[in-house]
Amino acid sequence: MPPSVSILQQIGLGVLLVVVVLWTVGLVRLTRRDEHEDAAGRPAPRRSRDLLGSVPRQTGPGGPASENVELSAAEREAFEGLVRQLTSRS
């Protein structure tokens, strides 16, 4: 450290670094626990549709009615071509 930095600034920097490291470790542990355990510490059940489990459903009695749009033959063909392009890249 340069000689112009006081001892209090050095101590403050050290404390700040320790807090950041502890916060990061706690955040990582919290996110990993949520993936593998429920609140009581038991292993969480695995579901195949667990990708968007926290997003509530939009249809049903509490949400808006689902919409349906009829596509013309040209629109359907264009959509199928787009899907083929996107799936061939992955």
N, C-alpha and C. Protein backbone atom coordinates (compact mmCIF):
# COMPACT_ATOMS: atom_id res chain seq x y z
N MET A 1 0.84 -1.18 0.00
CA MET A 1 0.00 0.00 0.00
C MET A 1 0.88 1.24 0.00
N PRO A 2 0.39 2.29 -0.65
CA PRO A 2 1.15 3.54 -0.63
C PRO A 2 1.22 4.10 0.80
N PRO A 3 2.25 4.86 1.10
CA PRO A 3 2.38 5.39 2.46
C PRO A 3 1.29 6.40 2.82
N SER A 4 0.58 6.94 1.84
CA SER A 4 -0.44 7.95 2.15
C SER A 4 -1.75 7.31 2.63
N VAL A 5 -1.88 6.00 2.58
CA VAL A 5 -3.09 5.32 3.02
C VAL A 5 -2.99 5.08 4.53
N SER A 6 -4.00 5.54 5.26
CA SER A 6 -3.95 5.41 6.71
C SER A 6 -4.28 3.99 7.14
N ILE A 7 -3.97 3.69 8.40
CA ILE A 7 -4.24 2.36 8.96
C ILE A 7 -5.74 2.09 9.03
N LEU A 8 -6.54 3.15 9.27
CA LEU A 8 -7.99 2.96 9.32
C LEU A 8 -8.55 2.59 7.94
N GLN A 9 -7.99 3.17 6.88
CA GLN A 9 -8.42 2.81 5.54
C GLN A 9 -8.05 1.37 5.22
N GLN A 10 -6.90 0.94 5.64
CA GLN A 10 -6.48 -0.44 5.41
C GLN A 10 -7.37 -1.41 6.18
N ILE A 11 -7.70 -1.09 7.42
CA ILE A 11 -8.59 -1.94 8.21
C ILE A 11 -9.98 -1.97 7.58
N GLY A 12 -10.47 -0.82 7.14
CA GLY A 12 -11.78 -0.76 6.49
C GLY A 12 -11.82 -1.60 5.23
N LEU A 13 -10.76 -1.57 4.44
CA LEU A 13 -10.69 -2.38 3.24
C LEU A 13 -10.69 -3.88 3.59
N GLY A 14 -9.96 -4.24 4.59
CA GLY A 14 -9.92 -5.64 5.02
C GLY A 14 -11.29 -6.12 5.49
N VAL A 15 -11.96 -5.31 6.30
CA VAL A 15 -13.30 -5.68 6.78
C VAL A 15 -14.27 -5.79 5.61
N LEU A 16 -14.20 -4.87 4.67
CA LEU A 16 -15.07 -4.90 3.50
C LEU A 16 -14.84 -6.17 2.69
N LEU A 17 -13.61 -6.55 2.50
CA LEU A 17 -13.30 -7.77 1.74
C LEU A 17 -13.83 -9.02 2.46
N VAL A 18 -13.69 -9.06 3.77
CA VAL A 18 -14.21 -10.20 4.53
C VAL A 18 -15.73 -10.28 4.42
N VAL A 19 -16.41 -9.15 4.50
CA VAL A 19 -17.87 -9.14 4.38
C VAL A 19 -18.30 -9.61 3.00
N VAL A 20 -17.61 -9.17 1.96
CA VAL A 20 -17.94 -9.58 0.60
C VAL A 20 -17.75 -11.08 0.43
N VAL A 21 -16.67 -11.63 0.95
CA VAL A 21 -16.42 -13.07 0.83
C VAL A 21 -17.48 -13.85 1.59
N LEU A 22 -17.82 -13.43 2.81
CA LEU A 22 -18.85 -14.13 3.58
C LEU A 22 -20.21 -14.05 2.90
N TRP A 23 -20.55 -12.90 2.34
CA TRP A 23 -21.82 -12.74 1.64
C TRP A 23 -21.88 -13.66 0.42
N THR A 24 -20.79 -13.75 -0.34
CA THR A 24 -20.74 -14.60 -1.52
C THR A 24 -20.88 -16.07 -1.14
N VAL A 25 -20.16 -16.50 -0.12
CA VAL A 25 -20.26 -17.89 0.33
C VAL A 25 -21.67 -18.20 0.80
N GLY A 26 -22.28 -17.30 1.56
CA GLY A 26 -23.65 -17.53 2.01
C GLY A 26 -24.64 -17.58 0.87
N LEU A 27 -24.47 -16.73 -0.13
CA LEU A 27 -25.37 -16.75 -1.28
C LEU A 27 -25.24 -18.04 -2.07
N VAL A 28 -24.02 -18.50 -2.26
CA VAL A 28 -23.81 -19.75 -3.00
C VAL A 28 -24.42 -20.92 -2.24
N ARG A 29 -24.21 -20.96 -0.92
CA ARG A 29 -24.79 -22.05 -0.13
C ARG A 29 -26.31 -22.02 -0.15
N LEU A 30 -26.88 -20.82 -0.10
CA LEU A 30 -28.33 -20.68 -0.12
C LEU A 30 -28.91 -21.16 -1.44
N THR A 31 -28.30 -20.79 -2.54
CA THR A 31 -28.83 -21.22 -3.84
C THR A 31 -28.65 -22.72 -4.04
N ARG A 32 -27.57 -23.28 -3.57
CA ARG A 32 -27.39 -24.73 -3.71
C ARG A 32 -28.36 -25.49 -2.81
N ARG A 33 -28.64 -24.98 -1.63
CA ARG A 33 -29.59 -25.64 -0.73
C ARG A 33 -30.98 -25.62 -1.32
N ASP A 34 -31.37 -24.51 -1.94
CA ASP A 34 -32.69 -24.42 -2.55
C ASP A 34 -32.85 -25.39 -3.70
N GLU A 35 -31.77 -25.74 -4.37
CA GLU A 35 -31.85 -26.68 -5.48
C GLU A 35 -32.04 -28.11 -4.98
N HIS A 36 -31.49 -28.44 -3.82
CA HIS A 36 -31.46 -29.83 -3.40
C HIS A 36 -32.29 -30.15 -2.16
N GLU A 37 -32.72 -29.15 -1.43
CA GLU A 37 -33.46 -29.40 -0.19
C GLU A 37 -34.64 -28.45 -0.09
N ASP A 38 -35.65 -28.87 0.66
CA ASP A 38 -36.74 -27.95 0.96
C ASP A 38 -36.40 -27.19 2.25
N ALA A 39 -37.34 -26.43 2.76
CA ALA A 39 -37.07 -25.59 3.93
C ALA A 39 -36.74 -26.42 5.17
N ALA A 40 -37.26 -27.64 5.28
CA ALA A 40 -37.01 -28.47 6.45
C ALA A 40 -35.71 -29.25 6.34
N GLY A 41 -35.00 -29.10 5.23
CA GLY A 41 -33.73 -29.80 5.07
C GLY A 41 -33.84 -31.15 4.41
N ARG A 42 -35.07 -31.53 4.02
CA ARG A 42 -35.25 -32.81 3.33
C ARG A 42 -34.96 -32.64 1.85
N PRO A 43 -34.53 -33.70 1.17
CA PRO A 43 -34.28 -33.59 -0.28
C PRO A 43 -35.57 -33.23 -1.01
N ALA A 44 -35.46 -32.29 -1.92
CA ALA A 44 -36.62 -31.86 -2.68
C ALA A 44 -36.93 -32.88 -3.76
N PRO A 45 -38.22 -33.12 -4.02
CA PRO A 45 -38.57 -34.06 -5.09
C PRO A 45 -38.19 -33.49 -6.44
N ARG A 46 -37.71 -34.35 -7.32
CA ARG A 46 -37.33 -33.93 -8.67
C ARG A 46 -38.54 -34.03 -9.59
N ARG A 47 -38.77 -32.97 -10.34
CA ARG A 47 -39.85 -32.97 -11.32
C ARG A 47 -39.27 -32.61 -12.67
N SER A 48 -39.84 -33.18 -13.71
CA SER A 48 -39.35 -32.88 -15.05
C SER A 48 -39.75 -31.48 -15.47
N ARG A 49 -40.84 -30.94 -14.94
CA ARG A 49 -41.30 -29.61 -15.31
C ARG A 49 -40.90 -28.58 -14.26
N ASP A 50 -39.73 -28.74 -13.67
CA ASP A 50 -39.29 -27.86 -12.59
C ASP A 50 -38.53 -26.63 -13.09
N LEU A 51 -38.46 -26.45 -14.41
CA LEU A 51 -37.69 -25.33 -14.94
C LEU A 51 -38.30 -23.99 -14.56
N LEU A 52 -39.61 -23.86 -14.65
CA LEU A 52 -40.27 -22.61 -14.33
C LEU A 52 -41.25 -22.81 -13.19
N GLY A 53 -40.84 -23.52 -12.17
CA GLY A 53 -41.74 -23.84 -11.07
C GLY A 53 -42.18 -22.63 -10.27
N SER A 54 -41.39 -21.57 -10.27
CA SER A 54 -41.76 -20.41 -9.47
C SER A 54 -42.68 -19.45 -10.22
N VAL A 55 -42.90 -19.67 -11.51
CA VAL A 55 -43.78 -18.80 -12.28
C VAL A 55 -45.21 -19.35 -12.17
N PRO A 56 -46.15 -18.54 -11.68
CA PRO A 56 -47.51 -19.05 -11.53
C PRO A 56 -48.18 -19.24 -12.90
N ARG A 57 -49.13 -20.16 -12.94
CA ARG A 57 -49.87 -20.39 -14.18
C ARG A 57 -50.74 -19.18 -14.48
N GLN A 58 -50.89 -18.86 -15.75
CA GLN A 58 -51.65 -17.70 -16.15
C GLN A 58 -53.09 -18.03 -16.54
N THR A 59 -53.39 -19.29 -16.79
CA THR A 59 -54.74 -19.66 -17.17
C THR A 59 -55.43 -20.32 -15.99
N GLY A 60 -56.71 -20.49 -16.09
CA GLY A 60 -57.47 -21.12 -15.02
C GLY A 60 -58.42 -20.13 -14.39
N PRO A 61 -58.99 -20.49 -13.25
CA PRO A 61 -60.00 -19.63 -12.64
C PRO A 61 -59.43 -18.28 -12.18
N GLY A 62 -58.16 -18.23 -11.80
CA GLY A 62 -57.61 -16.99 -11.30
C GLY A 62 -56.94 -16.13 -12.35
N GLY A 63 -56.81 -16.64 -13.58
CA GLY A 63 -56.10 -15.90 -14.61
C GLY A 63 -56.96 -15.67 -15.83
N PRO A 64 -56.39 -15.03 -16.83
CA PRO A 64 -57.16 -14.78 -18.05
C PRO A 64 -57.38 -16.07 -18.83
N ALA A 65 -58.40 -16.05 -19.68
CA ALA A 65 -58.67 -17.22 -20.52
C ALA A 65 -57.56 -17.37 -21.56
N SER A 66 -57.26 -18.59 -21.93
CA SER A 66 -56.22 -18.81 -22.93
C SER A 66 -56.72 -18.39 -24.31
N GLU A 67 -55.80 -17.91 -25.12
CA GLU A 67 -56.16 -17.42 -26.44
C GLU A 67 -55.73 -18.42 -27.50
N ASN A 68 -56.42 -18.42 -28.61
CA ASN A 68 -56.12 -19.32 -29.71
C ASN A 68 -56.20 -18.52 -31.00
N VAL A 69 -55.16 -18.60 -31.82
CA VAL A 69 -55.12 -17.87 -33.08
C VAL A 69 -54.95 -18.88 -34.21
N GLU A 70 -55.81 -18.79 -35.19
CA GLU A 70 -55.70 -19.67 -36.36
C GLU A 70 -54.68 -19.08 -37.33
N LEU A 71 -53.77 -19.92 -37.81
CA LEU A 71 -52.76 -19.49 -38.77
C LEU A 71 -53.16 -19.93 -40.17
N SER A 72 -52.79 -19.09 -41.12
CA SER A 72 -53.02 -19.49 -42.50
C SER A 72 -51.98 -20.53 -42.89
N ALA A 73 -52.16 -21.14 -44.04
CA ALA A 73 -51.23 -22.18 -44.49
C ALA A 73 -49.83 -21.59 -44.69
N ALA A 74 -49.74 -20.38 -45.22
CA ALA A 74 -48.43 -19.75 -45.44
C ALA A 74 -47.76 -19.43 -44.11
N GLU A 75 -48.52 -18.95 -43.13
CA GLU A 75 -47.95 -18.64 -41.82
C GLU A 75 -47.48 -19.91 -41.12
N ARG A 76 -48.27 -20.97 -41.21
CA ARG A 76 -47.90 -22.25 -40.60
C ARG A 76 -46.61 -22.78 -41.22
N GLU A 77 -46.50 -22.66 -42.55
CA GLU A 77 -45.31 -23.13 -43.25
C GLU A 77 -44.08 -22.31 -42.85
N ALA A 78 -44.25 -21.00 -42.74
CA ALA A 78 -43.14 -20.14 -42.33
C ALA A 78 -42.71 -20.46 -40.89
N PHE A 79 -43.67 -20.72 -40.02
CA PHE A 79 -43.35 -21.06 -38.64
C PHE A 79 -42.60 -22.39 -38.57
N GLU A 80 -43.04 -23.38 -39.34
CA GLU A 80 -42.36 -24.67 -39.35
C GLU A 80 -40.93 -24.52 -39.86
N GLY A 81 -40.72 -23.66 -40.87
CA GLY A 81 -39.37 -23.41 -41.36
C GLY A 81 -38.49 -22.76 -40.30
N LEU A 82 -39.06 -21.82 -39.55
CA LEU A 82 -38.31 -21.18 -38.47
C LEU A 82 -37.93 -22.17 -37.38
N VAL A 83 -38.87 -23.05 -37.03
CA VAL A 83 -38.57 -24.06 -36.01
C VAL A 83 -37.49 -25.00 -36.49
N ARG A 84 -37.53 -25.39 -37.76
CA ARG A 84 -36.47 -26.27 -38.30
C ARG A 84 -35.12 -25.57 -38.24
N GLN A 85 -35.07 -24.27 -38.56
CA GLN A 85 -33.80 -23.54 -38.52
C GLN A 85 -33.26 -23.48 -37.10
N LEU A 86 -34.12 -23.19 -36.16
CA LEU A 86 -33.67 -23.06 -34.77
C LEU A 86 -33.25 -24.39 -34.17
N THR A 87 -33.94 -25.47 -34.50
CA THR A 87 -33.58 -26.77 -33.92
C THR A 87 -32.36 -27.36 -34.59
N SER A 88 -32.07 -26.99 -35.84
CA SER A 88 -30.89 -27.54 -36.49
C SER A 88 -29.61 -26.91 -35.95
N ARG A 89 -29.68 -25.73 -35.35
CA ARG A 89 -28.50 -25.06 -34.79
C ARG A 89 -28.05 -25.68 -33.48
N SER A 90 -28.97 -26.26 -32.73
CA SER A 90 -28.61 -26.79 -31.41
C SER A 90 -28.32 -28.24 -31.43
